[in-house]
Amino acid sequence: MRACYYDDIGAAGDVLRTGDVPTPECGPGDVRVKLATSGVNPVDVKVRAGRKQPWPRIIPHSDGAGTIDQVGDGVDKKRIGERVWIWNAQWKRPFGTAAEYIVLPSAQAVTLPDKVSFAEGACLGIPAMTAFHAVERAMRSGKTLLISGGAGAVGHYAIQFAKLAGATVITTVSSAEKAKIARQAGADHVIDYKTENVGERVMALTDKRGVDAVVEMNITANAKLLPNVLRPKGSVVVYGIAGPELTLPAQFCLSNSIGIQFFLVFDLDAAERARAVSGISAALAAGKLINRVDPRKFGLDDTAAAHQAVEQGATAKVVVTI
């Protein structure tokens, strides 16, 4: 089969190659998916440009969509021909979705409704599962949420899942264009943090009470805002950082019994993962999930350009067509 791979870390244009590699075969409990699309996430870019090469050869990308064409022992043969989206394809594994085929455990290939395109299916995985779990945790504190980065891949899904759960959503963005994206997702209130005072706006919108919870994409940069936006005994659900060290407003957090929960989507437990998959599937089936696909066209041979698009700050999901 043809695949895009790299044998060393480095810049996308220097290390990504497209060529023939062995076609994988199913083992017990596995399915093989003939991939139609492969989604590129920021983590794919960071790993490829990182400090350490964990395997001699890597086929990147954890997200994708396609059709099951082979199943292993113990898997219902009726799954052959099923349209699916994929999660965690390259987590702790060398070979991801930037290829014509992938073999992975059956549970990691989830039914994709006929009305949802393969390009949209490649948008799910990391962003949608992160968003669902973050909102699930945040809603334990109440129904008024501040979601940072509402035009980003995770934030955009988080707004939608929060609204489906009955929340009032305040979100932050950095431009009028991104504000439009966040409103289309269903945000009740949008704050441009570059031109507005986030704390003042949040307090005005909540009658000086503060939000029940913050869903945070970059706690490293935004921790200082917590005293200005969060109610006593509120919570912060963190799925992203921008550096290895963090300074927290510790006195505020202690005095107000603030709960802070970090999580990594790859390490959800089985029950958390099952709820996320179920929630995403229900929203897809009901036609209530907007999946934003970058309009630029990238083929397998253009994977380096797709990585560069992510590095340059694409606001929609960059998808490679296989």
Protein backbone atom coordinates (compact mmCIF):
# COMPACT_ATOMS: atom_id res chain seq x y z
CA MET A 1 0.00 0.00 0.00
CA ARG A 2 0.99 3.62 -0.31
CA ALA A 3 1.59 5.64 2.82
CA CYS A 4 3.16 8.86 4.01
CA TYR A 5 5.83 8.22 6.63
CA TYR A 6 8.94 9.62 8.26
CA ASP A 7 12.08 7.89 9.51
CA ASP A 8 13.44 10.82 11.49
CA ILE A 9 12.09 13.90 13.20
CA GLY A 10 12.35 17.30 11.54
CA ALA A 11 10.58 19.83 9.34
CA ALA A 12 7.64 18.49 7.35
CA GLY A 13 9.21 19.18 3.98
CA ASP A 14 12.47 17.52 5.02
CA VAL A 15 11.27 14.26 6.58
CA LEU A 16 7.84 13.30 5.22
CA ARG A 17 7.99 10.80 2.37
CA THR A 18 5.35 8.94 0.36
CA GLY A 19 6.02 5.40 -0.83
CA ASP A 20 5.08 1.73 -0.72
CA VAL A 21 4.96 -0.10 2.61
CA PRO A 22 3.55 -3.54 3.53
CA THR A 23 -0.23 -3.73 3.67
CA PRO A 24 -1.32 -4.71 7.20
CA GLU A 25 -3.43 -7.79 7.97
CA CYS A 26 -5.95 -8.24 10.78
CA GLY A 27 -5.19 -10.09 13.97
CA PRO A 28 -7.82 -11.34 16.43
CA GLY A 29 -10.25 -8.60 17.41
CA ASP A 30 -9.02 -6.24 14.69
CA VAL A 31 -10.57 -4.55 11.70
CA ARG A 32 -8.79 -3.24 8.64
CA VAL A 33 -10.02 0.06 7.27
CA LYS A 34 -9.50 1.16 3.69
CA LEU A 35 -8.96 4.81 4.44
CA ALA A 36 -10.61 7.60 2.47
CA THR A 37 -9.34 10.49 4.60
CA SER A 38 -6.76 11.27 7.27
CA GLY A 39 -7.12 14.20 9.68
CA VAL A 40 -4.11 16.25 10.80
CA ASN A 41 -4.01 17.50 14.40
CA PRO A 42 -1.51 19.83 16.10
CA VAL A 43 -0.19 16.85 18.09
CA ASP A 44 0.77 15.11 14.81
CA VAL A 45 2.85 18.13 13.87
CA LYS A 46 4.46 18.36 17.31
CA VAL A 47 5.43 14.67 17.37
CA ARG A 48 6.93 14.82 13.88
CA ALA A 49 8.94 17.92 14.81
CA GLY A 50 9.74 16.71 18.32
CA ARG A 51 12.89 15.78 20.16
CA LYS A 52 12.69 12.00 19.98
CA GLN A 53 11.79 9.43 17.34
CA PRO A 54 9.87 6.73 19.28
CA TRP A 55 9.87 4.17 16.41
CA PRO A 56 12.18 3.63 13.43
CA ARG A 57 9.35 4.55 11.03
CA ILE A 58 6.13 6.45 11.72
CA ILE A 59 3.00 6.75 9.60
CA PRO A 60 1.39 9.79 11.26
CA HIS A 61 -2.13 10.86 12.23
CA SER A 62 -4.61 9.50 14.75
CA ASP A 63 -7.85 10.58 13.05
CA GLY A 64 -9.39 9.36 9.81
CA ALA A 65 -12.35 7.71 8.12
CA GLY A 66 -12.99 4.98 5.60
CA THR A 67 -14.59 1.58 5.05
CA ILE A 68 -13.86 -1.70 6.83
CA ASP A 69 -12.62 -4.24 4.26
CA GLN A 70 -11.31 -7.04 6.51
CA VAL A 71 -11.99 -8.32 10.03
CA GLY A 72 -10.05 -10.58 12.36
CA ASP A 73 -11.19 -13.53 14.42
CA GLY A 74 -13.87 -12.59 16.93
CA VAL A 75 -15.20 -9.65 14.92
CA ASP A 76 -18.61 -9.88 13.23
CA LYS A 77 -18.08 -10.27 9.48
CA LYS A 78 -21.10 -8.03 8.98
CA ARG A 79 -18.77 -5.13 9.75
CA ILE A 80 -17.13 -5.57 6.35
CA GLY A 81 -18.33 -2.69 4.19
CA GLU A 82 -19.17 -0.48 7.18
CA ARG A 83 -18.29 3.22 6.97
CA VAL A 84 -16.33 4.27 10.06
CA TRP A 85 -14.44 7.06 11.77
CA ILE A 86 -11.33 6.31 13.78
CA TRP A 87 -9.88 7.42 17.11
CA ASN A 88 -6.40 7.03 18.69
CA ALA A 89 -5.05 5.35 15.56
CA GLN A 90 -1.44 6.39 16.18
CA TRP A 91 -1.41 6.62 19.97
CA LYS A 92 1.39 4.38 21.28
CA ARG A 93 1.53 2.79 17.82
CA PRO A 94 3.91 3.52 14.93
CA PHE A 95 1.37 3.45 12.11
CA GLY A 96 -1.52 5.90 11.81
CA THR A 97 -4.02 6.97 9.16
CA ALA A 98 -1.78 8.63 6.55
CA ALA A 99 -1.99 5.47 4.45
CA GLU A 100 -4.29 3.48 2.22
CA TYR A 101 -5.07 0.97 4.99
CA ILE A 102 -4.86 0.70 8.76
CA VAL A 103 -5.44 -2.21 11.14
CA LEU A 104 -6.62 -1.46 14.66
CA PRO A 105 -8.87 -2.89 17.40
CA SER A 106 -12.51 -3.09 16.33
CA ALA A 107 -13.68 -0.63 19.00
CA GLN A 108 -11.50 2.11 17.52
CA ALA A 109 -13.52 2.09 14.29
CA VAL A 110 -16.92 3.68 14.95
CA THR A 111 -19.90 3.65 12.60
CA LEU A 112 -20.08 6.80 10.46
CA PRO A 113 -23.61 7.73 9.31
CA ASP A 114 -24.14 7.75 5.55
CA LYS A 115 -25.03 11.44 5.60
CA VAL A 116 -21.66 12.35 7.14
CA SER A 117 -18.81 12.60 4.63
CA PHE A 118 -15.46 10.87 5.07
CA ALA A 119 -13.84 14.32 5.27
CA GLU A 120 -16.12 15.20 8.19
CA GLY A 121 -15.40 11.83 9.76
CA ALA A 122 -11.70 12.70 9.80
CA CYS A 123 -12.53 15.79 11.88
CA LEU A 124 -13.69 13.77 14.89
CA GLY A 125 -11.30 11.64 16.94
CA ILE A 126 -9.04 13.84 19.05
CA PRO A 127 -10.99 17.14 18.88
CA ALA A 128 -14.50 15.78 19.36
CA MET A 129 -13.57 13.29 22.07
CA THR A 130 -11.57 15.95 23.93
CA ALA A 131 -14.49 18.37 23.71
CA PHE A 132 -17.09 15.86 24.84
CA HIS A 133 -15.10 14.77 27.89
CA ALA A 134 -14.19 18.35 28.84
CA VAL A 135 -17.82 19.44 28.72
CA GLU A 136 -18.97 16.35 30.60
CA ARG A 137 -16.59 17.19 33.45
CA ALA A 138 -17.33 20.92 33.38
CA MET A 139 -21.10 20.41 33.58
CA ARG A 140 -20.70 18.74 36.96
CA SER A 141 -20.18 22.24 38.37
CA GLY A 142 -23.15 23.87 36.68
CA LYS A 143 -24.59 25.02 33.39
CA THR A 144 -22.81 28.30 32.76
CA LEU A 145 -19.50 27.62 31.01
CA LEU A 146 -16.65 29.73 29.71
CA ILE A 147 -15.03 27.88 26.81
CA SER A 148 -11.72 29.36 25.68
CA GLY A 149 -10.85 29.38 21.98
CA GLY A 150 -14.36 28.85 20.66
CA ALA A 151 -13.25 28.86 17.01
CA GLY A 152 -10.60 26.18 17.51
CA ALA A 153 -11.14 22.52 16.71
CA VAL A 154 -11.83 21.46 20.30
CA GLY A 155 -13.56 24.68 21.37
CA HIS A 156 -15.92 24.55 18.39
CA TYR A 157 -17.04 21.04 19.31
CA ALA A 158 -17.16 21.93 23.02
CA ILE A 159 -19.64 24.73 22.35
CA GLN A 160 -21.88 22.31 20.47
CA PHE A 161 -21.77 19.57 23.11
CA ALA A 162 -22.37 22.12 25.87
CA LYS A 163 -25.43 23.50 24.09
CA LEU A 164 -26.75 19.99 23.50
CA ALA A 165 -26.40 19.45 27.27
CA GLY A 166 -28.40 22.62 28.02
CA ALA A 167 -25.56 24.93 29.02
CA THR A 168 -25.22 28.68 28.63
CA VAL A 169 -21.95 29.18 26.77
CA ILE A 170 -19.60 32.13 26.87
CA THR A 171 -16.54 31.80 24.67
CA THR A 172 -13.42 33.74 23.76
CA VAL A 173 -12.00 34.38 20.29
CA SER A 174 -9.36 36.62 18.72
CA SER A 175 -11.11 38.08 15.67
CA ALA A 176 -14.47 38.91 14.10
CA GLU A 177 -14.08 35.97 11.71
CA LYS A 178 -13.57 33.58 14.62
CA ALA A 179 -16.49 35.14 16.46
CA LYS A 180 -18.73 34.20 13.54
CA ILE A 181 -17.49 30.59 13.71
CA ALA A 182 -18.20 30.41 17.45
CA ARG A 183 -21.70 31.83 17.02
CA GLN A 184 -22.46 29.32 14.29
CA ALA A 185 -21.54 26.58 16.77
CA GLY A 186 -24.19 27.98 19.13
CA ALA A 187 -22.27 30.16 21.60
CA ASP A 188 -24.60 32.45 23.55
CA HIS A 189 -21.97 35.12 24.10
CA VAL A 190 -18.66 35.73 22.31
CA ILE A 191 -15.83 37.84 23.71
CA ASP A 192 -12.94 39.08 21.56
CA TYR A 193 -10.12 38.92 24.09
CA LYS A 194 -7.95 41.20 21.96
CA THR A 195 -10.38 44.12 22.08
CA GLU A 196 -12.48 43.45 25.20
CA ASN A 197 -11.83 42.88 28.89
CA VAL A 198 -12.72 39.23 29.38
CA GLY A 199 -13.27 39.46 33.15
CA GLU A 200 -15.52 42.51 32.93
CA ARG A 201 -17.61 40.96 30.17
CA VAL A 202 -17.99 37.64 31.98
CA MET A 203 -19.08 39.34 35.19
CA ALA A 204 -21.55 41.54 33.31
CA LEU A 205 -23.00 38.49 31.55
CA THR A 206 -23.33 36.50 34.79
CA ASP A 207 -24.65 39.33 37.05
CA LYS A 208 -21.26 39.39 38.80
CA ARG A 209 -21.59 35.75 39.83
CA GLY A 210 -18.94 34.26 37.55
CA VAL A 211 -19.18 31.10 35.49
CA ASP A 212 -19.61 27.65 36.99
CA ALA A 213 -16.72 26.17 35.02
CA VAL A 214 -14.01 27.05 32.54
CA VAL A 215 -13.02 24.71 29.70
CA GLU A 216 -9.43 25.73 29.08
CA MET A 217 -7.24 25.15 26.02
CA ASN A 218 -4.21 27.03 27.40
CA ILE A 219 -4.09 27.22 31.17
CA THR A 220 -0.45 28.36 31.00
CA ALA A 221 -1.50 31.67 29.46
CA ASN A 222 -4.96 32.05 30.97
CA ALA A 223 -4.64 31.01 34.62
CA LYS A 224 -4.37 34.66 35.63
CA LEU A 225 -7.94 35.22 34.40
CA LEU A 226 -9.52 32.71 36.80
CA PRO A 227 -10.15 35.15 39.69
CA ASN A 228 -11.97 37.44 37.26
CA VAL A 229 -14.31 34.90 35.68
CA LEU A 230 -14.93 31.94 38.02
CA ARG A 231 -17.42 31.66 40.89
CA PRO A 232 -16.46 30.25 44.30
CA LYS A 233 -16.35 26.42 44.23
CA GLY A 234 -16.24 26.53 40.45
CA SER A 235 -14.03 24.30 38.37
CA VAL A 236 -11.47 24.45 35.58
CA VAL A 237 -11.15 21.60 33.09
CA VAL A 238 -7.80 21.75 31.32
CA TYR A 239 -6.96 19.95 28.09
CA GLY A 240 -4.09 22.12 26.84
CA ILE A 241 -0.93 23.92 27.96
CA ALA A 242 1.66 26.07 26.20
CA GLY A 243 4.69 25.22 28.30
CA PRO A 244 5.98 22.84 30.97
CA GLU A 245 5.51 25.22 33.93
CA LEU A 246 2.38 26.88 35.30
CA THR A 247 1.78 29.77 37.71
CA LEU A 248 -1.62 29.57 39.39
CA PRO A 249 -3.47 32.22 41.44
CA ALA A 250 -3.10 29.88 44.41
CA GLN A 251 -4.67 32.10 47.07
CA PHE A 252 -7.81 32.58 44.98
CA CYS A 253 -8.02 28.87 44.21
CA LEU A 254 -7.57 27.84 47.85
CA SER A 255 -9.85 30.50 49.34
CA ASN A 256 -12.60 29.69 46.86
CA SER A 257 -12.22 25.88 46.80
CA ILE A 258 -11.58 25.86 43.05
CA GLY A 259 -11.29 22.45 41.43
CA ILE A 260 -8.74 22.06 38.64
CA GLN A 261 -8.78 18.93 36.49
CA PHE A 262 -6.17 18.19 33.82
CA PHE A 263 -6.74 15.38 31.36
CA LEU A 264 -5.19 13.87 28.26
CA VAL A 265 -7.73 12.56 25.76
CA PHE A 266 -5.55 9.58 24.85
CA ASP A 267 -5.71 8.34 28.44
CA LEU A 268 -9.46 8.36 29.05
CA ASP A 269 -10.59 5.22 30.81
CA ALA A 270 -12.88 2.73 29.09
CA ALA A 271 -16.09 4.17 30.55
CA GLU A 272 -15.15 7.77 29.73
CA ARG A 273 -14.20 6.79 26.20
CA ALA A 274 -17.42 4.84 25.71
CA ARG A 275 -19.51 7.83 26.80
CA ALA A 276 -17.62 10.12 24.44
CA VAL A 277 -18.04 7.77 21.48
CA SER A 278 -21.73 7.34 22.30
CA GLY A 279 -22.28 11.09 22.62
CA ILE A 280 -20.51 11.88 19.38
CA SER A 281 -22.37 9.13 17.55
CA ALA A 282 -25.74 10.35 18.84
CA ALA A 283 -25.03 13.92 17.74
CA LEU A 284 -23.90 12.74 14.30
CA ALA A 285 -26.94 10.51 13.85
CA ALA A 286 -29.25 13.39 14.80
CA GLY A 287 -27.52 15.74 12.38
CA LYS A 288 -26.65 18.11 15.23
CA LEU A 289 -22.88 18.31 14.87
CA ILE A 290 -21.08 20.81 12.66
CA ASN A 291 -17.74 19.41 11.44
CA ARG A 292 -15.50 22.10 9.98
CA VAL A 293 -13.26 20.88 7.14
CA ASP A 294 -10.51 23.12 5.79
CA PRO A 295 -11.45 23.85 2.16
CA ARG A 296 -7.91 23.31 0.86
CA LYS A 297 -7.34 20.02 -0.94
CA PHE A 298 -4.45 17.80 0.13
CA GLY A 299 -3.63 14.38 -1.30
CA LEU A 300 -1.34 11.82 0.28
CA ASP A 301 1.61 13.28 -1.63
CA ASP A 302 0.74 16.68 -0.14
CA THR A 303 0.92 15.60 3.50
CA ALA A 304 3.90 17.89 4.18
CA ALA A 305 1.85 20.84 2.94
CA ALA A 306 -1.03 19.72 5.17
CA HIS A 307 1.30 19.73 8.19
CA GLN A 308 2.51 23.19 7.24
CA ALA A 309 -1.09 24.41 7.04
CA VAL A 310 -1.64 23.24 10.62
CA GLU A 311 1.60 24.90 11.73
CA GLN A 312 0.39 28.15 10.17
CA GLY A 313 -2.76 28.13 12.28
CA ALA A 314 -5.55 26.62 10.19
CA THR A 315 -8.86 27.22 11.96
CA ALA A 316 -10.70 24.26 10.38
CA LYS A 317 -9.58 20.63 10.38
CA VAL A 318 -6.94 19.94 7.74
CA VAL A 319 -7.82 16.71 5.96
CA VAL A 320 -5.71 14.60 3.62
CA THR A 321 -7.62 12.64 0.98
CA ILE A 322 -6.13 9.19 0.46
